[in-house]
PDB file of N, CA and C in Angstrom:
ATOM      1  N   UNK A   1      28.005  46.485 -16.405  1.00  0.00           N
ATOM      2  CA  UNK A   1      28.144  45.628 -15.185  1.00  0.00           C
ATOM      3  C   UNK A   1      27.290  44.691 -15.341  1.00  0.00           C
ATOM      4  N   UNK A   2      27.608  43.490 -15.645  1.00  0.00           N
ATOM      5  CA  UNK A   2      26.547  42.571 -15.834  1.00  0.00           C
ATOM      6  C   UNK A   2      25.523  41.736 -14.522  1.00  0.00           C
ATOM      7  N   UNK A   3      24.455  41.776 -14.677  1.00  0.00           N
ATOM      8  CA  UNK A   3      23.603  41.421 -13.363  1.00  0.00           C
ATOM      9  C   UNK A   3      23.929  40.119 -12.773  1.00  0.00           C
ATOM     10  N   UNK A   4      23.768  39.896 -11.671  1.00  0.00           N
ATOM     11  CA  UNK A   4      24.411  38.843 -11.155  1.00  0.00           C
ATOM     12  C   UNK A   4      22.751  37.588 -10.812  1.00  0.00           C
ATOM     13  N   UNK A   5      22.879  36.483 -11.366  1.00  0.00           N
ATOM     14  CA  UNK A   5      22.172  35.392 -10.663  1.00  0.00           C
ATOM     15  C   UNK A   5      21.546  35.347  -9.194  1.00  0.00           C
ATOM     16  N   UNK A   6      20.153  35.444  -9.058  1.00  0.00           N
ATOM     17  CA  UNK A   6      20.001  35.638  -7.478  1.00  0.00           C
ATOM     18  C   UNK A   6      20.671  33.870  -6.704  1.00  0.00           C
ATOM     19  N   UNK A   7      21.044  33.852  -5.325  1.00  0.00           N
ATOM     20  CA  UNK A   7      21.191  32.750  -4.979  1.00  0.00           C
ATOM     21  C   UNK A   7      20.380  32.131  -4.391  1.00  0.00           C
ATOM     22  N   UNK A   8      20.632  30.319  -5.340  1.00  0.00           N
ATOM     23  CA  UNK A   8      19.034  29.765  -4.682  1.00  0.00           C
ATOM     24  C   UNK A   8      19.661  29.537  -3.355  1.00  0.00           C
ATOM     25  N   UNK A   9      18.161  29.613  -2.212  1.00  0.00           N
ATOM     26  CA  UNK A   9      17.731  29.505  -1.250  1.00  0.00           C
ATOM     27  C   UNK A   9      18.290  28.005  -0.744  1.00  0.00           C
ATOM     28  N   UNK A  10      18.740  26.841  -1.647  1.00  0.00           N
ATOM     29  CA  UNK A  10      18.631  25.261  -1.462  1.00  0.00           C
ATOM     30  C   UNK A  10      20.050  25.495  -2.050  1.00  0.00           C
ATOM     31  N   UNK A  11      20.687  24.941  -1.517  1.00  0.00           N
ATOM     32  CA  UNK A  11      22.261  24.136  -1.663  1.00  0.00           C
ATOM     33  C   UNK A  11      22.183  23.038  -2.799  1.00  0.00           C
ATOM     34  N   UNK A  12      23.053  22.950  -3.733  1.00  0.00           N
ATOM     35  CA  UNK A  12      23.123  21.062  -3.937  1.00  0.00           C
ATOM     36  C   UNK A  12      22.341  20.439  -5.557  1.00  0.00           C
ATOM     37  N   UNK A  13      22.412  19.818  -5.736  1.00  0.00           N
ATOM     38  CA  UNK A  13      21.530  19.488  -7.126  1.00  0.00           C
ATOM     39  C   UNK A  13      20.064  19.858  -7.191  1.00  0.00           C
ATOM     40  N   UNK A  14      19.414  19.742  -6.519  1.00  0.00           N
ATOM     41  CA  UNK A  14      17.886  19.941  -6.173  1.00  0.00           C
ATOM     42  C   UNK A  14      17.896  21.293  -6.290  1.00  0.00           C
ATOM     43  N   UNK A  15      18.642  22.442  -5.938  1.00  0.00           N
ATOM     44  CA  UNK A  15      18.763  23.951  -5.977  1.00  0.00           C
ATOM     45  C   UNK A  15      19.020  24.536  -7.296  1.00  0.00           C
ATOM     46  N   UNK A  16      19.593  23.344  -7.980  1.00  0.00           N
ATOM     47  CA  UNK A  16      19.524  24.100  -9.426  1.00  0.00           C
ATOM     48  C   UNK A  16      18.788  23.290 -10.681  1.00  0.00           C
ATOM     49  N   UNK A  17      17.655  23.000 -10.197  1.00  0.00           N
ATOM     50  CA  UNK A  17      16.746  22.482 -11.605  1.00  0.00           C
ATOM     51  C   UNK A  17      15.828  23.894 -11.957  1.00  0.00           C
ATOM     52  N   UNK A  18      15.824  23.937 -12.580  1.00  0.00           N
ATOM     53  CA  UNK A  18      14.668  24.886 -13.510  1.00  0.00           C
ATOM     54  C   UNK A  18      13.354  24.784 -12.518  1.00  0.00           C
ATOM     55  N   UNK A  19      12.931  25.780 -12.658  1.00  0.00           N
ATOM     56  CA  UNK A  19      11.111  26.348 -11.929  1.00  0.00           C
ATOM     57  C   UNK A  19      10.398  24.985 -12.255  1.00  0.00           C
ATOM     58  N   UNK A  20      10.488  24.593 -14.117  1.00  0.00           N
ATOM     59  CA  UNK A  20       9.227  24.031 -13.766  1.00  0.00           C
ATOM     60  C   UNK A  20       9.484  22.623 -13.573  1.00  0.00           C
ATOM     61  N   UNK A  21      10.563  22.149 -12.852  1.00  0.00           N
ATOM     62  CA  UNK A  21      11.198  20.571 -12.217  1.00  0.00           C
ATOM     63  C   UNK A  21      10.522  21.077 -10.811  1.00  0.00           C
ATOM     64  N   UNK A  22      10.564  22.215 -10.361  1.00  0.00           N
ATOM     65  CA  UNK A  22      10.508  22.106  -8.791  1.00  0.00           C
ATOM     66  C   UNK A  22       9.065  21.216  -7.946  1.00  0.00           C
ATOM     67  N   UNK A  23       8.683  21.984  -7.045  1.00  0.00           N
ATOM     68  CA  UNK A  23       7.988  21.211  -6.419  1.00  0.00           C
ATOM     69  C   UNK A  23       6.558  20.975  -7.047  1.00  0.00           C
ATOM     70  N   UNK A  24       6.027  19.625  -7.162  1.00  0.00           N
ATOM     71  CA  UNK A  24       4.832  19.070  -7.919  1.00  0.00           C
ATOM     72  C   UNK A  24       3.997  18.718  -6.945  1.00  0.00           C
ATOM     73  N   UNK A  25       2.885  18.883  -6.864  1.00  0.00           N
ATOM     74  CA  UNK A  25       1.892  17.530  -6.012  1.00  0.00           C
ATOM     75  C   UNK A  25       1.685  16.364  -6.474  1.00  0.00           C
ATOM     76  N   UNK A  26       2.126  15.848  -5.230  1.00  0.00           N
ATOM     77  CA  UNK A  26       2.208  14.035  -5.208  1.00  0.00           C
ATOM     78  C   UNK A  26       0.886  14.057  -4.874  1.00  0.00           C
ATOM     79  N   UNK A  27       0.487  13.001  -5.435  1.00  0.00           N
ATOM     80  CA  UNK A  27      -0.825  12.272  -5.227  1.00  0.00           C
ATOM     81  C   UNK A  27      -1.028  11.432  -3.821  1.00  0.00           C
ATOM     82  N   UNK A  28      -2.425  11.461  -3.099  1.00  0.00           N
ATOM     83  CA  UNK A  28      -2.138  11.257  -2.237  1.00  0.00           C
ATOM     84  C   UNK A  28      -3.335  10.079  -2.140  1.00  0.00           C
ATOM     85  N   UNK A  29      -3.018   8.895  -1.121  1.00  0.00           N
ATOM     86  CA  UNK A  29      -3.817   8.033  -1.124  1.00  0.00           C
ATOM     87  C   UNK A  29      -4.801   8.132  -0.304  1.00  0.00           C
ATOM     88  N   UNK A  30      -6.414   7.928  -0.130  1.00  0.00           N
ATOM     89  CA  UNK A  30      -7.196   8.555   0.614  1.00  0.00           C
ATOM     90  C   UNK A  30      -7.254   7.710   1.673  1.00  0.00           C
ATOM     91  N   UNK A  31      -7.492   8.190   2.824  1.00  0.00           N
ATOM     92  CA  UNK A  31      -7.478   7.761   4.550  1.00  0.00           C
ATOM     93  C   UNK A  31      -9.067   6.444   4.523  1.00  0.00           C
ATOM     94  N   UNK A  32      -8.178   5.663   5.595  1.00  0.00           N
ATOM     95  CA  UNK A  32      -9.334   4.652   5.263  1.00  0.00           C
ATOM     96  C   UNK A  32      -9.941   5.014   6.307  1.00  0.00           C
ATOM     97  N   UNK A  33     -11.565   4.602   6.214  1.00  0.00           N
ATOM     98  CA  UNK A  33     -12.352   4.593   7.108  1.00  0.00           C
ATOM     99  C   UNK A  33     -12.178   3.991   8.498  1.00  0.00           C
ATOM    100  N   UNK A  34     -12.259   4.810   9.511  1.00  0.00           N
ATOM    101  CA  UNK A  34     -12.261   4.609  10.697  1.00  0.00           C
ATOM    102  C   UNK A  34     -13.233   4.028  11.519  1.00  0.00           C
ATOM    103  N   UNK A  35     -13.195   3.077  12.392  1.00  0.00           N
ATOM    104  CA  UNK A  35     -13.804   1.901  12.954  1.00  0.00           C
ATOM    105  C   UNK A  35     -15.580   2.761  13.578  1.00  0.00           C
ATOM    106  N   UNK A  36     -16.349   2.729  13.833  1.00  0.00           N
ATOM    107  CA  UNK A  36     -17.572   4.064  14.543  1.00  0.00           C
ATOM    108  C   UNK A  36     -17.448   3.421  15.615  1.00  0.00           C
ATOM    109  N   UNK A  37     -17.528   4.041  16.759  1.00  0.00           N
ATOM    110  CA  UNK A  37     -17.977   3.918  17.558  1.00  0.00           C
ATOM    111  C   UNK A  37     -17.316   3.015  18.856  1.00  0.00           C
ATOM    112  N   UNK A  38     -16.313   2.446  18.022  1.00  0.00           N
ATOM    113  CA  UNK A  38     -15.320   1.267  18.778  1.00  0.00           C
ATOM    114  C   UNK A  38     -14.310   1.895  19.594  1.00  0.00           C
ATOM    115  N   UNK A  39     -13.516   1.128  20.700  1.00  0.00           N
ATOM    116  CA  UNK A  39     -12.418   1.528  21.138  1.00  0.00           C
ATOM    117  C   UNK A  39     -11.350   0.521  21.053  1.00  0.00           C
ATOM    118  N   UNK A  40     -10.368   0.001  21.444  1.00  0.00           N
ATOM    119  CA  UNK A  40      -8.993  -0.758  21.070  1.00  0.00           C
ATOM    120  C   UNK A  40      -9.407  -1.611  21.726  1.00  0.00           C
ATOM    121  N   UNK A  41      -9.978  -1.081  23.310  1.00  0.00           N
ATOM    122  CA  UNK A  41     -10.052  -1.795  24.282  1.00  0.00           C
ATOM    123  C   UNK A  41     -11.491  -3.515  24.569  1.00  0.00           C
ATOM    124  N   UNK A  42     -12.129  -2.717  23.334  1.00  0.00           N
ATOM    125  CA  UNK A  42     -12.907  -3.252  23.234  1.00  0.00           C
ATOM    126  C   UNK A  42     -12.885  -4.744  23.431  1.00  0.00           C
ATOM    127  N   UNK A  43     -13.839  -5.457  23.551  1.00  0.00           N
ATOM    128  CA  UNK A  43     -13.613  -7.205  23.399  1.00  0.00           C
ATOM    129  C   UNK A  43     -14.025  -7.718  22.322  1.00  0.00           C
ATOM    130  N   UNK A  44     -12.888  -8.577  21.705  1.00  0.00           N
ATOM    131  CA  UNK A  44     -12.776  -9.163  20.922  1.00  0.00           C
ATOM    132  C   UNK A  44     -13.572 -10.487  20.898  1.00  0.00           C
ATOM    133  N   UNK A  45     -14.606 -10.913  19.996  1.00  0.00           N
ATOM    134  CA  UNK A  45     -15.282 -12.115  19.160  1.00  0.00           C
ATOM    135  C   UNK A  45     -14.041 -13.163  19.367  1.00  0.00           C
ATOM    136  N   UNK A  46     -14.336 -14.508  19.718  1.00  0.00           N
ATOM    137  CA  UNK A  46     -13.730 -15.096  19.611  1.00  0.00           C
ATOM    138  C   UNK A  46     -13.614 -15.829  18.366  1.00  0.00           C
ATOM    139  N   UNK A  47     -12.320 -16.392  17.773  1.00  0.00           N
ATOM    140  CA  UNK A  47     -12.010 -16.532  16.124  1.00  0.00           C
ATOM    141  C   UNK A  47     -12.889 -17.914  16.290  1.00  0.00           C
ATOM    142  N   UNK A  48     -13.683 -18.673  15.280  1.00  0.00           N
ATOM    143  CA  UNK A  48     -14.222 -19.458  14.989  1.00  0.00           C
ATOM    144  C   UNK A  48     -13.169 -21.258  14.874  1.00  0.00           C
ATOM    145  N   UNK A  49     -13.320 -22.336  16.027  1.00  0.00           N
ATOM    146  CA  UNK A  49     -12.855 -23.015  16.211  1.00  0.00           C
ATOM    147  C   UNK A  49     -12.618 -23.634  14.408  1.00  0.00           C
ATOM    148  N   UNK A  50     -11.414 -24.322  14.173  1.00  0.00           N
ATOM    149  CA  UNK A  50     -10.820 -25.039  13.208  1.00  0.00           C
ATOM    150  C   UNK A  50     -12.032 -26.344  12.671  1.00  0.00           C
ATOM    151  N   UNK A  51     -11.892 -26.077  11.335  1.00  0.00           N
ATOM    152  CA  UNK A  51     -12.956 -27.519  11.541  1.00  0.00           C
ATOM    153  C   UNK A  51     -12.011 -29.149  11.921  1.00  0.00           C
ATOM    154  N   UNK A  52     -12.656 -30.267  12.820  1.00  0.00           N
ATOM    155  CA  UNK A  52     -11.914 -31.152  12.852  1.00  0.00           C
ATOM    156  C   UNK A  52     -10.943 -31.507  12.011  1.00  0.00           C
ATOM    157  N   UNK A  53      -9.679 -32.263  12.052  1.00  0.00           N
ATOM    158  CA  UNK A  53      -9.221 -32.789  10.839  1.00  0.00           C
ATOM    159  C   UNK A  53      -9.758 -34.014  10.692  1.00  0.00           C
ATOM    160  N   UNK A  54      -9.468 -34.576   8.916  1.00  0.00           N
ATOM    161  CA  UNK A  54     -10.225 -35.705   8.777  1.00  0.00           C
ATOM    162  C   UNK A  54      -9.550 -36.322   8.936  1.00  0.00           C
ATOM    163  N   UNK A  55      -9.264 -37.894   9.113  1.00  0.00           N
ATOM    164  CA  UNK A  55      -8.550 -39.248   8.950  1.00  0.00           C
ATOM    165  C   UNK A  55      -7.043 -38.853   7.857  1.00  0.00           C
ATOM    166  N   UNK A  56      -7.808 -38.708   6.973  1.00  0.00           N
ATOM    167  CA  UNK A  56      -7.128 -38.988   5.571  1.00  0.00           C
ATOM    168  C   UNK A  56      -6.234 -37.956   5.156  1.00  0.00           C
ATOM    169  N   UNK A  57      -6.286 -36.735   5.774  1.00  0.00           N
ATOM    170  CA  UNK A  57      -5.599 -35.540   6.649  1.00  0.00           C
ATOM    171  C   UNK A  57      -4.396 -35.873   7.457  1.00  0.00           C
ATOM    172  N   UNK A  58      -4.677 -36.028   8.737  1.00  0.00           N
ATOM    173  CA  UNK A  58      -3.438 -36.473   9.855  1.00  0.00           C
ATOM    174  C   UNK A  58      -2.830 -37.558   9.221  1.00  0.00           C
ATOM    175  N   UNK A  59      -3.342 -39.076   8.514  1.00  0.00           N
ATOM    176  CA  UNK A  59      -2.441 -39.581   8.135  1.00  0.00           C
ATOM    177  C   UNK A  59      -0.927 -39.004   7.212  1.00  0.00           C
ATOM    178  N   UNK A  60      -1.536 -38.421   6.302  1.00  0.00           N
ATOM    179  CA  UNK A  60      -0.874 -37.145   4.932  1.00  0.00           C
ATOM    180  C   UNK A  60      -0.209 -36.885   5.962  1.00  0.00           C
ATOM    181  N   UNK A  61      -0.382 -35.839   6.954  1.00  0.00           N
ATOM    182  CA  UNK A  61       0.636 -35.006   7.897  1.00  0.00           C
ATOM    183  C   UNK A  61       2.152 -35.834   8.477  1.00  0.00           C
ATOM    184  N   UNK A  62       1.416 -37.011   9.072  1.00  0.00           N
ATOM    185  CA  UNK A  62       2.756 -37.661   9.644  1.00  0.00           C
ATOM    186  C   UNK A  62       3.141 -38.546   8.799  1.00  0.00           C
ATOM    187  N   UNK A  63       2.586 -38.807   7.342  1.00  0.00           N
ATOM    188  CA  UNK A  63       3.724 -39.198   6.583  1.00  0.00           C
ATOM    189  C   UNK A  63       4.663 -38.242   6.467  1.00  0.00           C
ATOM    190  N   UNK A  64       3.789 -37.046   5.914  1.00  0.00           N
ATOM    191  CA  UNK A  64       5.245 -35.867   5.747  1.00  0.00           C
ATOM    192  C   UNK A  64       5.909 -35.958   6.499  1.00  0.00           C
ATOM    193  N   UNK A  65       5.862 -35.468   7.753  1.00  0.00           N
ATOM    194  CA  UNK A  65       6.654 -35.615   8.878  1.00  0.00           C
ATOM    195  C   UNK A  65       7.783 -36.606   8.954  1.00  0.00           C
ATOM    196  N   UNK A  66       7.449 -37.989   8.733  1.00  0.00           N
ATOM    197  CA  UNK A  66       8.351 -39.141   9.028  1.00  0.00           C
ATOM    198  C   UNK A  66       8.953 -38.853   8.110  1.00  0.00           C
ATOM    199  N   UNK A  67       8.265 -38.548   6.318  1.00  0.00           N
ATOM    200  CA  UNK A  67       9.374 -38.613   4.841  1.00  0.00           C
ATOM    201  C   UNK A  67      10.175 -37.261   5.824  1.00  0.00           C
ATOM    202  N   UNK A  68      10.211 -36.333   6.032  1.00  0.00           N
ATOM    203  CA  UNK A  68      10.668 -35.461   6.260  1.00  0.00           C
ATOM    204  C   UNK A  68      12.133 -35.862   6.833  1.00  0.00           C
ATOM    205  N   UNK A  69      11.745 -36.509   8.208  1.00  0.00           N
ATOM    206  CA  UNK A  69      13.078 -37.030   9.568  1.00  0.00           C
ATOM    207  C   UNK A  69      13.718 -37.400   8.688  1.00  0.00           C
ATOM    208  N   UNK A  70      13.403 -38.462   7.805  1.00  0.00           N
ATOM    209  CA  UNK A  70      14.246 -40.103   7.440  1.00  0.00           C
ATOM    210  C   UNK A  70      15.375 -38.659   6.472  1.00  0.00           C
ATOM    211  N   UNK A  71      14.426 -37.788   5.605  1.00  0.00           N
ATOM    212  CA  UNK A  71      15.199 -37.028   4.869  1.00  0.00           C
ATOM    213  C   UNK A  71      16.580 -36.373   5.559  1.00  0.00           C
ATOM    214  N   UNK A  72      16.291 -36.161   6.162  1.00  0.00           N
ATOM    215  CA  UNK A  72      17.473 -35.123   7.025  1.00  0.00           C
ATOM    216  C   UNK A  72      18.008 -36.039   7.497  1.00  0.00           C
ATOM    217  N   UNK A  73      18.144 -37.098   7.875  1.00  0.00           N
ATOM    218  CA  UNK A  73      18.646 -38.218   8.691  1.00  0.00           C
ATOM    219  C   UNK A  73      19.776 -38.542   7.415  1.00  0.00           C
ATOM    220  N   UNK A  74      18.933 -38.788   6.248  1.00  0.00           N
ATOM    221  CA  UNK A  74      20.078 -38.863   5.396  1.00  0.00           C
ATOM    222  C   UNK A  74      21.163 -38.058   4.709  1.00  0.00           C
ATOM    223  N   UNK A  75      20.762 -36.582   5.387  1.00  0.00           N
ATOM    224  CA  UNK A  75      20.960 -35.566   4.551  1.00  0.00           C
ATOM    225  C   UNK A  75      22.610 -35.807   6.270  1.00  0.00           C
ATOM    226  N   UNK A  76      21.884 -35.943   7.065  1.00  0.00           N
ATOM    227  CA  UNK A  76      23.159 -35.731   8.008  1.00  0.00           C
ATOM    228  C   UNK A  76      24.157 -36.985   7.968  1.00  0.00           C
ATOM    229  N   UNK A  77      24.153 -38.185   7.766  1.00  0.00           N
ATOM    230  CA  UNK A  77      24.946 -39.132   7.405  1.00  0.00           C
ATOM    231  C   UNK A  77      26.002 -38.750   6.410  1.00  0.00           C
ATOM    232  N   UNK A  78      25.114 -38.051   5.053  1.00  0.00           N
ATOM    233  CA  UNK A  78      26.342 -38.004   3.506  1.00  0.00           C
ATOM    234  C   UNK A  78      27.240 -36.548   4.184  1.00  0.00           C
ATOM    235  N   UNK A  79      26.540 -36.022   4.887  1.00  0.00           N
ATOM    236  CA  UNK A  79      28.205 -34.990   5.670  1.00  0.00           C
ATOM    237  C   UNK A  79      28.692 -35.541   6.226  1.00  0.00           C
ATOM    238  N   UNK A  80      28.510 -36.835   7.253  1.00  0.00           N
ATOM    239  CA  UNK A  80      29.530 -37.434   8.043  1.00  0.00           C
ATOM    240  C   UNK A  80      30.756 -37.883   7.264  1.00  0.00           C
ATOM    241  N   UNK A  81      30.182 -38.293   6.020  1.00  0.00           N
ATOM    242  CA  UNK A  81      31.333 -39.276   4.959  1.00  0.00           C
ATOM    243  C   UNK A  81      31.713 -38.592   4.344  1.00  0.00           C
TER     244      UNK A  81
END
């Protein structure tokens, strides 16, 4: 009488894989270092204020806003026709 192969514990295609394809150790990423002695409720330092915008940058931003507004107006007019 022929010997029966042992019944695999797992069902499905992975249960039928050869032993050399079985569980392999996976590489783990190192843990992030924890903050020393701090708590979540600790007072945060205020963020430094942004540098004052120069006049040149302010003019550029306003010009871009006007150009965008006019472009959108043209698109809406073109859709109406």
